[in-house]
Amino acid sequence: MGEKSKYDRRQFMGAAAMTVAATQLRASRHAGATSKRIKSPPLGTSLGPVKQVQAGLLNVGHVEAGPVNGTPVVLLHGWPYDINAFVDVAPLLASKGFRVIVPYLRGYGSTRFLSSDTFRNGQPSAVALDTIALMDALKIDKAIVAGFDWGARTANIIAALWPERCKAMVSVSGYLIGSQSSGKIPLPPQAELQWWYQFYFATERGRLGYEKYRHDFSKLIWQIASPKWNFDDATFNRSATSFDNPDHVAIVVHNYRWRLGLADGEKKYEDLEKRLAQGPVITVPTITLEGDANGAPHPDPVSYAKKFSGKYLHRTIKGGIGHNLPQEAPQEFVKAVIEVDGY
């Protein structure tokens, strides 16, 4: 193929952004709270010093806040975000007496694998076990788990498989437990369009493209997923440094290829994945949240309400709130954690 006919990656990204942004998911049928738009925190705002602890397969970078004897809350970020999604949430919870732990997931920030021989696995059960190992390392028997995107899925898995370790849960976009078999089922064209990046990552071109343009790519996802969030460059760049982790691309690409059944997982997680494939009901007290302007793929709250058999509440946060709900509406996220703790 000639040089002139080569695909311009940046034009592709721009076209994809406009196309996906124009594709709107149907509005939630649930009434919800209204949240004022949250301005991006000023440059220099941070969560505090990052600590390192050996936990399972990893040396985990994490931030802690609040009293050590407070009720533990583990805050879990997603892709392509990092611990700074909780830059306002963590201090607010700490001021209320919670012991707050905010870890970098595998492949992000200062979290590193202990061995160069360990398979860079992004499958959901492996990521969830990282959190259990972190709780063990920090001597936390039971915690409130709360998160969005990959973090919400991780929280779901912990609540479903290890309910004895989960006091309660706050999950943005509700019930996100899936399986390879469900990932292989074709969706209607409009829904498939929402997952354009998943198909991009399924190709070698996609892996190379993400490796080369990981910051531009991630910023595009932020814009698509939160179309009404007017974040500034300083806010994005603060998180973008986490994507320079040497294992980041491998973890992200494996996660999405695994979901489509295009990459194998590890045998030691097979039993866990089989249990998750059955769509287990979550019994721990739960509040699910959704932003009214979430531009990322997400299920209708009606579709997952019966997946929670304990005390349960869903709340849609209004005011142009997108996918990164903890950073866009931190007061509402904190309110949910405090409320579910009371359950």
Protein backbone atom coordinates (compact mmCIF):
# COMPACT_ATOMS: atom_id res chain seq x y z
CA MET A 1 0.00 0.00 0.00
CA GLY A 2 1.40 3.40 -0.96
CA GLU A 3 2.40 6.08 1.49
CA LYS A 4 -0.46 8.38 0.45
CA SER A 5 -3.04 5.70 1.15
CA LYS A 6 -1.89 4.93 4.66
CA TYR A 7 -4.49 5.45 7.33
CA ASP A 8 -4.11 8.68 9.24
CA ARG A 9 -4.52 7.58 12.83
CA ARG A 10 -5.37 11.01 14.13
CA GLN A 11 -8.11 11.47 11.53
CA PHE A 12 -9.47 8.07 12.48
CA MET A 13 -9.57 9.05 16.12
CA GLY A 14 -11.30 12.31 15.37
CA ALA A 15 -13.91 10.67 13.17
CA ALA A 16 -14.53 7.98 15.77
CA ALA A 17 -14.98 10.63 18.44
CA MET A 18 -17.64 12.48 16.48
CA THR A 19 -19.41 9.28 15.50
CA VAL A 20 -19.52 7.77 18.95
CA ALA A 21 -20.36 11.03 20.65
CA ALA A 22 -23.34 11.34 18.32
CA THR A 23 -24.59 7.91 19.35
CA GLN A 24 -26.63 8.42 22.49
CA LEU A 25 -27.66 5.68 24.89
CA ARG A 26 -31.28 5.87 25.97
CA ALA A 27 -31.96 7.86 29.09
CA SER A 28 -32.42 6.10 32.41
CA ARG A 29 -36.00 5.69 33.52
CA HIS A 30 -35.03 6.29 37.11
CA ALA A 31 -35.33 9.68 38.75
CA GLY A 32 -32.23 10.77 40.58
CA ALA A 33 -30.29 13.41 42.42
CA THR A 34 -29.07 16.60 40.85
CA SER A 35 -25.40 17.52 41.16
CA LYS A 36 -23.72 20.82 40.36
CA ARG A 37 -20.96 20.67 37.78
CA ILE A 38 -17.61 20.15 39.45
CA LYS A 39 -14.75 22.28 38.20
CA SER A 40 -11.43 20.58 37.59
CA PRO A 41 -9.25 20.76 40.72
CA PRO A 42 -6.48 23.35 40.46
CA LEU A 43 -3.05 22.33 39.27
CA GLY A 44 -1.05 20.90 42.15
CA THR A 45 -3.99 19.26 43.89
CA SER A 46 -3.08 15.67 44.70
CA LEU A 47 -4.10 12.76 46.86
CA GLY A 48 -0.89 12.80 48.86
CA PRO A 49 2.19 10.56 48.98
CA VAL A 50 2.02 7.21 47.21
CA LYS A 51 2.93 4.22 49.34
CA GLN A 52 4.10 0.84 48.08
CA VAL A 53 3.21 -2.55 49.52
CA GLN A 54 3.86 -6.08 48.32
CA ALA A 55 0.53 -7.79 47.72
CA GLY A 56 0.08 -11.03 45.81
CA LEU A 57 1.76 -10.79 42.42
CA LEU A 58 2.34 -7.06 42.70
CA ASN A 59 4.06 -4.24 44.45
CA VAL A 60 1.03 -1.99 44.69
CA GLY A 61 1.19 1.79 44.61
CA HIS A 62 -1.60 3.27 46.69
CA VAL A 63 -2.65 6.30 48.66
CA GLU A 64 -4.13 6.14 52.15
CA ALA A 65 -6.12 8.82 53.94
CA GLY A 66 -8.15 9.09 57.11
CA PRO A 67 -7.81 7.42 60.52
CA VAL A 68 -6.32 3.90 60.56
CA ASN A 69 -9.15 2.73 62.81
CA GLY A 70 -11.87 4.08 60.52
CA THR A 71 -14.18 1.95 58.39
CA PRO A 72 -12.06 0.89 55.40
CA VAL A 73 -13.12 2.06 51.94
CA VAL A 74 -11.27 0.80 48.86
CA LEU A 75 -11.73 3.11 45.86
CA LEU A 76 -11.10 1.48 42.47
CA HIS A 77 -10.49 3.36 39.24
CA GLY A 78 -11.05 2.22 35.66
CA TRP A 79 -9.58 2.59 32.18
CA PRO A 80 -8.24 4.96 31.04
CA TYR A 81 -8.20 6.71 34.39
CA ASP A 82 -6.21 6.41 37.60
CA ILE A 83 -6.31 7.17 41.32
CA ASN A 84 -6.82 10.88 40.64
CA ALA A 85 -10.42 10.10 39.76
CA PHE A 86 -10.84 10.17 43.56
CA VAL A 87 -8.82 13.34 44.18
CA ASP A 88 -11.85 15.02 45.78
CA VAL A 89 -13.63 11.90 47.05
CA ALA A 90 -10.77 10.58 49.21
CA PRO A 91 -10.26 13.65 51.41
CA LEU A 92 -14.00 14.10 51.82
CA LEU A 93 -14.37 10.51 53.05
CA ALA A 94 -11.30 10.84 55.26
CA SER A 95 -12.82 13.91 56.89
CA LYS A 96 -15.87 11.78 57.73
CA GLY A 97 -13.69 9.26 59.58
CA PHE A 98 -13.25 6.59 56.90
CA ARG A 99 -9.95 4.85 56.29
CA VAL A 100 -9.54 5.38 52.55
CA ILE A 101 -7.32 3.22 50.31
CA VAL A 102 -6.90 4.17 46.65
CA PRO A 103 -4.71 1.72 44.69
CA TYR A 104 -3.31 1.87 41.19
CA LEU A 105 -4.62 -1.17 39.31
CA ARG A 106 -2.13 -3.50 37.65
CA GLY A 107 -0.60 -1.70 34.69
CA TYR A 108 -1.05 1.79 36.15
CA GLY A 109 1.12 4.28 37.99
CA SER A 110 3.69 2.85 40.36
CA THR A 111 2.13 -0.61 40.63
CA ARG A 112 4.58 -3.22 39.35
CA PHE A 113 4.70 -6.98 38.94
CA LEU A 114 7.14 -8.64 41.30
CA SER A 115 8.40 -10.97 38.57
CA SER A 116 9.20 -10.29 34.94
CA ASP A 117 7.99 -13.84 34.22
CA THR A 118 4.41 -13.22 35.40
CA PHE A 119 1.89 -13.20 32.57
CA ARG A 120 0.50 -9.69 32.05
CA ASN A 121 -3.08 -10.77 32.51
CA GLY A 122 -5.96 -8.32 32.30
CA GLN A 123 -8.84 -10.73 32.89
CA PRO A 124 -11.38 -9.50 35.46
CA SER A 125 -10.92 -12.19 38.11
CA ALA A 126 -7.16 -11.57 38.21
CA VAL A 127 -7.70 -7.84 38.73
CA ALA A 128 -10.20 -8.55 41.53
CA LEU A 129 -7.77 -10.86 43.29
CA ASP A 130 -5.24 -8.03 43.30
CA THR A 131 -7.62 -6.08 45.55
CA ILE A 132 -8.13 -9.04 47.88
CA ALA A 133 -4.34 -9.42 48.12
CA LEU A 134 -4.00 -5.70 48.89
CA MET A 135 -6.57 -5.97 51.66
CA ASP A 136 -4.67 -8.92 53.08
CA ALA A 137 -1.38 -7.01 52.95
CA LEU A 138 -2.96 -4.05 54.75
CA LYS A 139 -4.66 -6.39 57.26
CA ILE A 140 -8.16 -5.29 56.24
CA ASP A 141 -10.69 -8.06 56.82
CA LYS A 142 -13.72 -6.27 55.38
CA ALA A 143 -14.15 -3.03 53.45
CA ILE A 144 -16.63 -0.98 51.52
CA VAL A 145 -15.60 -1.33 47.87
CA ALA A 146 -16.51 1.44 45.46
CA GLY A 147 -15.54 2.22 41.90
CA PHE A 148 -16.37 2.91 38.28
CA ASP A 149 -15.56 1.26 34.94
CA TRP A 150 -12.99 -1.54 35.57
CA GLY A 151 -13.15 -0.53 39.23
CA ALA A 152 -16.91 -1.10 39.41
CA ARG A 153 -16.52 -4.49 37.73
CA THR A 154 -13.80 -5.37 40.23
CA ALA A 155 -16.01 -4.29 43.11
CA ASN A 156 -18.86 -6.41 41.69
CA ILE A 157 -16.63 -9.47 41.53
CA ILE A 158 -15.39 -9.04 45.09
CA ALA A 159 -18.95 -8.61 46.36
CA ALA A 160 -20.15 -11.66 44.43
CA LEU A 161 -17.30 -14.10 45.12
CA TRP A 162 -16.01 -12.90 48.48
CA PRO A 163 -19.00 -11.27 50.22
CA GLU A 164 -17.35 -11.89 53.60
CA ARG A 165 -14.70 -9.33 52.60
CA CYS A 166 -17.19 -6.72 51.41
CA LYS A 167 -19.19 -4.68 53.93
CA ALA A 168 -21.05 -2.80 51.20
CA MET A 169 -20.59 -1.57 47.64
CA VAL A 170 -21.00 1.53 45.50
CA SER A 171 -20.93 0.70 41.80
CA VAL A 172 -21.12 3.19 38.95
CA SER A 173 -23.13 1.72 36.05
CA GLY A 174 -24.42 -1.08 38.23
CA TYR A 175 -23.83 -4.75 37.53
CA LEU A 176 -20.87 -5.26 35.21
CA ILE A 177 -19.96 -8.91 35.69
CA GLY A 178 -19.56 -10.63 32.32
CA SER A 179 -17.89 -13.58 30.67
CA GLN A 180 -16.16 -14.60 27.47
CA SER A 181 -19.30 -16.37 26.28
CA SER A 182 -21.44 -13.27 26.73
CA GLY A 183 -18.72 -11.17 25.10
CA LYS A 184 -19.00 -13.24 21.93
CA ILE A 185 -22.70 -12.49 21.43
CA PRO A 186 -23.25 -9.93 18.62
CA LEU A 187 -25.02 -6.73 19.63
CA PRO A 188 -27.21 -4.41 17.54
CA PRO A 189 -25.12 -2.14 15.29
CA GLN A 190 -25.61 0.98 17.41
CA ALA A 191 -24.38 -0.86 20.50
CA GLU A 192 -21.44 -2.35 18.62
CA LEU A 193 -20.43 1.14 17.54
CA GLN A 194 -20.02 2.11 21.19
CA TRP A 195 -17.34 -0.59 21.50
CA TRP A 196 -15.21 0.60 18.58
CA TYR A 197 -12.04 0.63 20.69
CA GLN A 198 -12.58 -2.98 21.72
CA PHE A 199 -12.39 -4.04 18.08
CA TYR A 200 -9.41 -1.75 17.50
CA PHE A 201 -7.54 -3.45 20.36
CA ALA A 202 -8.34 -6.83 18.83
CA THR A 203 -5.88 -6.06 16.02
CA GLU A 204 -2.11 -5.77 16.04
CA ARG A 205 -2.57 -2.34 14.52
CA GLY A 206 -4.61 -1.40 17.58
CA ARG A 207 -1.98 -2.61 20.00
CA LEU A 208 0.73 -0.69 18.21
CA GLY A 209 -1.51 2.36 17.90
CA TYR A 210 -2.30 2.40 21.59
CA GLU A 211 1.36 1.94 22.44
CA LYS A 212 2.28 4.92 20.27
CA TYR A 213 -0.65 7.21 21.03
CA ARG A 214 -1.72 6.11 24.49
CA HIS A 215 -2.10 9.66 25.82
CA ASP A 216 -4.04 10.97 22.80
CA PHE A 217 -6.13 7.82 22.75
CA SER A 218 -6.99 8.10 26.44
CA LYS A 219 -7.90 11.76 26.15
CA LEU A 220 -10.26 10.90 23.31
CA ILE A 221 -11.95 8.29 25.51
CA TRP A 222 -12.34 10.86 28.28
CA GLN A 223 -14.02 13.24 25.84
CA ILE A 224 -16.37 10.60 24.44
CA ALA A 225 -17.24 9.08 27.80
CA SER A 226 -17.90 12.44 29.49
CA PRO A 227 -19.06 14.74 26.69
CA LYS A 228 -20.22 17.51 29.05
CA TRP A 229 -17.23 17.44 31.43
CA ASN A 230 -15.05 20.44 30.62
CA PHE A 231 -11.85 19.06 32.13
CA ASP A 232 -8.62 20.98 31.55
CA ASP A 233 -5.24 19.76 30.32
CA ALA A 234 -3.75 19.83 33.81
CA THR A 235 -6.44 17.46 35.09
CA PHE A 236 -5.95 15.01 32.25
CA ASN A 237 -2.15 15.17 32.31
CA ARG A 238 -2.07 14.41 36.02
CA SER A 239 -3.73 11.06 35.32
CA ALA A 240 -2.02 10.43 31.98
CA THR A 241 1.36 9.90 33.63
CA SER A 242 -0.06 6.68 35.07
CA PHE A 243 -0.36 5.23 31.57
CA ASP A 244 3.43 5.29 31.19
CA ASN A 245 3.56 2.14 33.32
CA PRO A 246 5.58 -0.46 31.34
CA ASP A 247 2.78 -3.04 31.62
CA HIS A 248 -0.10 -0.70 30.80
CA VAL A 249 -0.61 -1.52 27.13
CA ALA A 250 -0.25 -5.26 27.65
CA ILE A 251 -2.84 -5.29 30.46
CA VAL A 252 -5.38 -3.13 28.59
CA VAL A 253 -5.09 -5.01 25.31
CA HIS A 254 -5.28 -8.42 26.99
CA ASN A 255 -8.38 -7.36 28.95
CA TYR A 256 -10.34 -6.43 25.85
CA ARG A 257 -9.09 -9.34 23.76
CA TRP A 258 -9.97 -11.74 26.57
CA ARG A 259 -13.51 -10.37 26.71
CA LEU A 260 -13.98 -11.18 23.02
CA GLY A 261 -12.50 -14.65 23.43
CA LEU A 262 -9.48 -13.69 21.32
CA ALA A 263 -6.93 -14.20 24.10
CA ASP A 264 -6.58 -16.94 26.68
CA GLY A 265 -6.58 -16.36 30.39
CA GLU A 266 -4.78 -18.45 32.98
CA LYS A 267 -5.99 -21.84 34.19
CA LYS A 268 -5.72 -20.83 37.84
CA TYR A 269 -8.61 -18.39 37.30
CA GLU A 270 -10.88 -20.74 35.37
CA ASP A 271 -13.06 -21.76 38.33
CA LEU A 272 -13.60 -18.14 39.28
CA GLU A 273 -14.51 -17.18 35.72
CA LYS A 274 -16.97 -20.09 35.52
CA ARG A 275 -18.74 -18.82 38.63
CA LEU A 276 -18.83 -15.29 37.25
CA ALA A 277 -20.20 -16.54 33.92
CA GLN A 278 -23.32 -17.67 35.79
CA GLY A 279 -24.12 -14.05 36.66
CA PRO A 280 -24.12 -14.45 40.46
CA VAL A 281 -26.50 -12.35 42.51
CA ILE A 282 -24.82 -9.84 44.82
CA THR A 283 -26.04 -10.02 48.41
CA VAL A 284 -24.14 -7.17 50.08
CA PRO A 285 -25.79 -3.76 50.58
CA THR A 286 -25.35 -1.78 47.37
CA ILE A 287 -25.94 1.62 45.85
CA THR A 288 -25.56 1.90 42.09
CA LEU A 289 -24.98 5.25 40.43
CA GLU A 290 -25.24 6.51 36.88
CA GLY A 291 -24.47 9.85 35.30
CA ASP A 292 -27.13 11.34 33.08
CA ALA A 293 -24.54 12.11 30.37
CA ASN A 294 -22.50 8.90 30.40
CA GLY A 295 -21.17 8.52 26.86
CA ALA A 296 -19.53 5.14 27.48
CA PRO A 297 -21.32 1.81 26.97
CA HIS A 298 -23.41 1.04 30.05
CA PRO A 299 -26.49 -1.04 30.87
CA ASP A 300 -29.94 0.31 31.66
CA PRO A 301 -30.47 0.28 35.46
CA VAL A 302 -33.69 -1.67 34.98
CA SER A 303 -31.71 -4.55 33.47
CA TYR A 304 -29.63 -5.21 36.58
CA ALA A 305 -31.84 -4.24 39.52
CA LYS A 306 -32.67 -7.88 40.29
CA LYS A 307 -28.97 -8.74 40.50
CA PHE A 308 -28.89 -7.24 43.99
CA SER A 309 -30.70 -9.20 46.70
CA GLY A 310 -29.55 -7.16 49.70
CA LYS A 311 -30.63 -3.63 50.55
CA TYR A 312 -30.33 -1.78 47.27
CA LEU A 313 -30.81 1.67 45.79
CA HIS A 314 -30.14 3.15 42.37
CA ARG A 315 -29.56 6.84 41.84
CA THR A 316 -29.07 8.73 38.57
CA ILE A 317 -26.94 11.84 39.03
CA LYS A 318 -28.11 14.72 36.87
CA GLY A 319 -26.33 17.82 35.64
CA GLY A 320 -24.34 16.52 32.68
CA ILE A 321 -22.40 13.90 34.63
CA GLY A 322 -20.42 11.48 32.48
CA HIS A 323 -18.54 8.23 32.91
CA ASN A 324 -15.95 9.40 35.44
CA LEU A 325 -18.61 10.03 38.05
CA PRO A 326 -16.36 10.17 41.14
CA GLN A 327 -14.33 13.02 39.68
CA GLU A 328 -17.25 14.79 38.01
CA ALA A 329 -19.67 14.52 40.96
CA PRO A 330 -17.53 13.75 44.03
CA GLN A 331 -20.11 14.95 46.57
CA GLU A 332 -22.69 12.51 45.21
CA PHE A 333 -20.21 9.65 45.22
CA VAL A 334 -19.23 10.42 48.82
CA LYS A 335 -22.89 10.64 49.78
CA ALA A 336 -23.46 7.15 48.38
CA VAL A 337 -20.53 5.67 50.32
CA ILE A 338 -21.73 7.23 53.58
CA GLU A 339 -25.29 6.10 52.93
CA VAL A 340 -24.42 2.51 52.05
CA ASP A 341 -22.22 2.30 55.14
CA GLY A 342 -25.37 2.97 57.15
CA TYR A 343 -27.14 0.01 55.54
